[in-house]
Amino acid sequence: MATTGFRLSGITIDCLDPDLVARFWASLLGGKPRASLPGWYELGERGGPRINFQPVLEPKTVKTRIHLDLTVDDIDRAVEAVVQAGGRATDERHDYAEGIVVVLADPEGNEFCLVKYFT
């Protein structure tokens, strides 16, 4: 099959407060958020995939349809770090033969997963 030239450049998260949400993600993933477009922030290296934080007027009201999965070594310590950074636990956990998945939310309620693989 011929290549289409597609490559991932970024993921965008809608936010009421892009600065707050960008700082939350930076506390987990490292790096420093920087202003980009008016009201927008971004995290990650230019030229590589980055997370964009886009200002919107409406709050999140339904489950996030696309979410990030973060692989961690220690689920319990990672959940604690997320909560200390301003996120929250959803009390949703899935134990699979391959590993553990715990669903959390950022300060505006956008869900994401912490994943501990058994390998």
C-alpha atoms as a PDB file:
ATOM      1  CA  MET A   1       0.000   0.000   0.000  1.00  0.00           C
ATOM      2  CA  ALA A   2       1.344   3.457  -0.893  1.00  0.00           C
ATOM      3  CA  THR A   3       2.165   5.831   1.925  1.00  0.00           C
ATOM      4  CA  THR A   4      -0.099   8.864   2.309  1.00  0.00           C
ATOM      5  CA  GLY A   5       2.400  11.111   4.047  1.00  0.00           C
ATOM      6  CA  PHE A   6       0.273  11.412   7.167  1.00  0.00           C
ATOM      7  CA  ARG A   7       2.085  11.844  10.483  1.00  0.00           C
ATOM      8  CA  LEU A   8       0.857  12.877  13.899  1.00  0.00           C
ATOM      9  CA  SER A   9       1.771  16.482  14.689  1.00  0.00           C
ATOM     10  CA  GLY A  10      -0.293  17.002  17.811  1.00  0.00           C
ATOM     11  CA  ILE A  11      -3.334  16.338  19.924  1.00  0.00           C
ATOM     12  CA  THR A  12      -5.635  19.211  20.904  1.00  0.00           C
ATOM     13  CA  ILE A  13      -7.579  19.427  24.161  1.00  0.00           C
ATOM     14  CA  ASP A  14     -10.469  21.900  24.443  1.00  0.00           C
ATOM     15  CA  CYS A  15     -10.272  23.908  27.697  1.00  0.00           C
ATOM     16  CA  LEU A  16     -12.060  26.654  29.565  1.00  0.00           C
ATOM     17  CA  ASP A  17      -8.683  27.529  31.126  1.00  0.00           C
ATOM     18  CA  PRO A  18      -5.898  26.417  28.741  1.00  0.00           C
ATOM     19  CA  ASP A  19      -3.145  27.724  31.028  1.00  0.00           C
ATOM     20  CA  LEU A  20      -4.383  25.637  33.994  1.00  0.00           C
ATOM     21  CA  VAL A  21      -4.812  22.467  31.942  1.00  0.00           C
ATOM     22  CA  ALA A  22      -1.440  22.927  30.185  1.00  0.00           C
ATOM     23  CA  ARG A  23       0.327  23.335  33.549  1.00  0.00           C
ATOM     24  CA  PHE A  24      -1.412  20.178  34.862  1.00  0.00           C
ATOM     25  CA  TRP A  25      -0.179  18.099  31.911  1.00  0.00           C
ATOM     26  CA  ALA A  26       3.307  19.612  32.141  1.00  0.00           C
ATOM     27  CA  SER A  27       3.478  18.540  35.797  1.00  0.00           C
ATOM     28  CA  LEU A  28       2.846  14.928  34.707  1.00  0.00           C
ATOM     29  CA  LEU A  29       4.761  14.757  31.431  1.00  0.00           C
ATOM     30  CA  GLY A  30       7.502  17.311  32.022  1.00  0.00           C
ATOM     31  CA  GLY A  31       8.350  20.294  29.917  1.00  0.00           C
ATOM     32  CA  LYS A  32       7.081  23.824  30.124  1.00  0.00           C
ATOM     33  CA  PRO A  33       3.868  24.986  28.457  1.00  0.00           C
ATOM     34  CA  ARG A  34       4.267  27.924  26.120  1.00  0.00           C
ATOM     35  CA  ALA A  35       1.763  30.328  24.620  1.00  0.00           C
ATOM     36  CA  SER A  36       1.112  29.765  20.933  1.00  0.00           C
ATOM     37  CA  LEU A  37      -1.983  31.198  19.221  1.00  0.00           C
ATOM     38  CA  PRO A  38      -3.949  33.840  21.195  1.00  0.00           C
ATOM     39  CA  GLY A  39      -5.305  32.053  24.298  1.00  0.00           C
ATOM     40  CA  TRP A  40      -3.698  28.731  23.310  1.00  0.00           C
ATOM     41  CA  TYR A  41      -0.843  26.853  24.983  1.00  0.00           C
ATOM     42  CA  GLU A  42       1.242  23.942  23.768  1.00  0.00           C
ATOM     43  CA  LEU A  43       3.427  21.308  25.363  1.00  0.00           C
ATOM     44  CA  GLY A  44       6.116  19.371  23.509  1.00  0.00           C
ATOM     45  CA  GLU A  45       8.881  20.076  21.061  1.00  0.00           C
ATOM     46  CA  ARG A  46       8.216  22.010  17.894  1.00  0.00           C
ATOM     47  CA  GLY A  47       8.530  19.702  14.922  1.00  0.00           C
ATOM     48  CA  GLY A  48       7.445  16.702  17.011  1.00  0.00           C
ATOM     49  CA  PRO A  49       4.068  15.636  18.338  1.00  0.00           C
ATOM     50  CA  ARG A  50       2.747  18.067  20.910  1.00  0.00           C
ATOM     51  CA  ILE A  51      -0.344  18.613  23.014  1.00  0.00           C
ATOM     52  CA  ASN A  52      -2.275  21.796  22.205  1.00  0.00           C
ATOM     53  CA  PHE A  53      -4.643  23.418  24.688  1.00  0.00           C
ATOM     54  CA  GLN A  54      -7.374  25.296  22.854  1.00  0.00           C
ATOM     55  CA  PRO A  55      -9.693  27.805  24.551  1.00  0.00           C
ATOM     56  CA  VAL A  56     -13.422  27.099  24.237  1.00  0.00           C
ATOM     57  CA  LEU A  57     -16.438  28.767  25.838  1.00  0.00           C
ATOM     58  CA  GLU A  58     -18.449  25.692  26.787  1.00  0.00           C
ATOM     59  CA  PRO A  59     -17.533  23.278  29.609  1.00  0.00           C
ATOM     60  CA  LYS A  60     -17.041  19.556  29.010  1.00  0.00           C
ATOM     61  CA  THR A  61     -20.365  17.741  29.402  1.00  0.00           C
ATOM     62  CA  VAL A  62     -19.898  14.181  28.098  1.00  0.00           C
ATOM     63  CA  LYS A  63     -17.230  11.475  28.140  1.00  0.00           C
ATOM     64  CA  THR A  64     -14.102  12.333  26.198  1.00  0.00           C
ATOM     65  CA  ARG A  65     -14.129  10.368  22.919  1.00  0.00           C
ATOM     66  CA  ILE A  66     -10.346  10.382  22.425  1.00  0.00           C
ATOM     67  CA  HIS A  67      -8.050  10.210  25.406  1.00  0.00           C
ATOM     68  CA  LEU A  68      -4.395   9.814  26.316  1.00  0.00           C
ATOM     69  CA  ASP A  69      -2.945   6.625  27.834  1.00  0.00           C
ATOM     70  CA  LEU A  70       0.088   7.123  30.089  1.00  0.00           C
ATOM     71  CA  THR A  71       2.211   4.080  30.912  1.00  0.00           C
ATOM     72  CA  VAL A  72       3.435   4.061  34.524  1.00  0.00           C
ATOM     73  CA  ASP A  73       5.545   1.775  36.700  1.00  0.00           C
ATOM     74  CA  ASP A  74       3.456   2.131  39.884  1.00  0.00           C
ATOM     75  CA  ILE A  75      -0.307   2.689  39.506  1.00  0.00           C
ATOM     76  CA  ASP A  76      -0.929   3.774  43.116  1.00  0.00           C
ATOM     77  CA  ARG A  77       1.904   6.315  43.154  1.00  0.00           C
ATOM     78  CA  ALA A  78       0.867   7.639  39.752  1.00  0.00           C
ATOM     79  CA  VAL A  79      -2.766   8.111  40.862  1.00  0.00           C
ATOM     80  CA  GLU A  80      -1.501  10.004  43.914  1.00  0.00           C
ATOM     81  CA  ALA A  81       0.689  12.225  41.704  1.00  0.00           C
ATOM     82  CA  VAL A  82      -2.257  13.019  39.410  1.00  0.00           C
ATOM     83  CA  VAL A  83      -4.454  14.009  42.351  1.00  0.00           C
ATOM     84  CA  GLN A  84      -1.677  16.130  43.875  1.00  0.00           C
ATOM     85  CA  ALA A  85      -1.267  17.886  40.505  1.00  0.00           C
ATOM     86  CA  GLY A  86      -4.961  18.845  40.445  1.00  0.00           C
ATOM     87  CA  GLY A  87      -6.535  15.907  38.646  1.00  0.00           C
ATOM     88  CA  ARG A  88      -9.082  13.508  40.110  1.00  0.00           C
ATOM     89  CA  ALA A  89      -9.773   9.817  40.358  1.00  0.00           C
ATOM     90  CA  THR A  90     -12.930   8.496  38.681  1.00  0.00           C
ATOM     91  CA  ASP A  91     -12.944   5.236  40.653  1.00  0.00           C
ATOM     92  CA  GLU A  92     -12.887   3.326  37.348  1.00  0.00           C
ATOM     93  CA  ARG A  93     -10.297   0.546  37.217  1.00  0.00           C
ATOM     94  CA  HIS A  94      -9.919  -2.392  34.856  1.00  0.00           C
ATOM     95  CA  ASP A  95      -7.742  -5.400  35.630  1.00  0.00           C
ATOM     96  CA  TYR A  96      -6.794  -7.361  32.526  1.00  0.00           C
ATOM     97  CA  ALA A  97      -4.402 -10.246  31.941  1.00  0.00           C
ATOM     98  CA  GLU A  98      -2.082  -7.747  30.176  1.00  0.00           C
ATOM     99  CA  GLY A  99      -2.146  -5.162  32.957  1.00  0.00           C
ATOM    100  CA  ILE A 100      -4.115  -2.565  34.876  1.00  0.00           C
ATOM    101  CA  VAL A 101      -5.927   0.491  33.505  1.00  0.00           C
ATOM    102  CA  VAL A 102      -7.107   3.280  35.812  1.00  0.00           C
ATOM    103  CA  VAL A 103      -9.238   6.142  34.473  1.00  0.00           C
ATOM    104  CA  LEU A 104      -8.569   9.629  35.852  1.00  0.00           C
ATOM    105  CA  ALA A 105      -9.529  13.174  34.849  1.00  0.00           C
ATOM    106  CA  ASP A 106      -7.623  16.416  34.414  1.00  0.00           C
ATOM    107  CA  PRO A 107      -8.755  19.624  36.213  1.00  0.00           C
ATOM    108  CA  GLU A 108     -11.537  20.198  33.666  1.00  0.00           C
ATOM    109  CA  GLY A 109     -12.780  16.592  33.670  1.00  0.00           C
ATOM    110  CA  ASN A 110     -11.076  15.310  30.490  1.00  0.00           C
ATOM    111  CA  GLU A 111     -10.545  11.592  31.045  1.00  0.00           C
ATOM    112  CA  PHE A 112      -7.238   9.813  30.519  1.00  0.00           C
ATOM    113  CA  CYS A 113      -5.833   6.430  31.515  1.00  0.00           C
ATOM    114  CA  LEU A 114      -2.870   5.303  33.547  1.00  0.00           C
ATOM    115  CA  VAL A 115      -1.681   1.918  32.318  1.00  0.00           C
ATOM    116  CA  LYS A 116       0.584  -0.592  34.060  1.00  0.00           C
ATOM    117  CA  TYR A 117       1.524  -3.437  31.743  1.00  0.00           C
ATOM    118  CA  PHE A 118       2.586  -6.853  33.074  1.00  0.00           C
ATOM    119  CA  THR A 119       5.643  -7.812  31.008  1.00  0.00           C
END
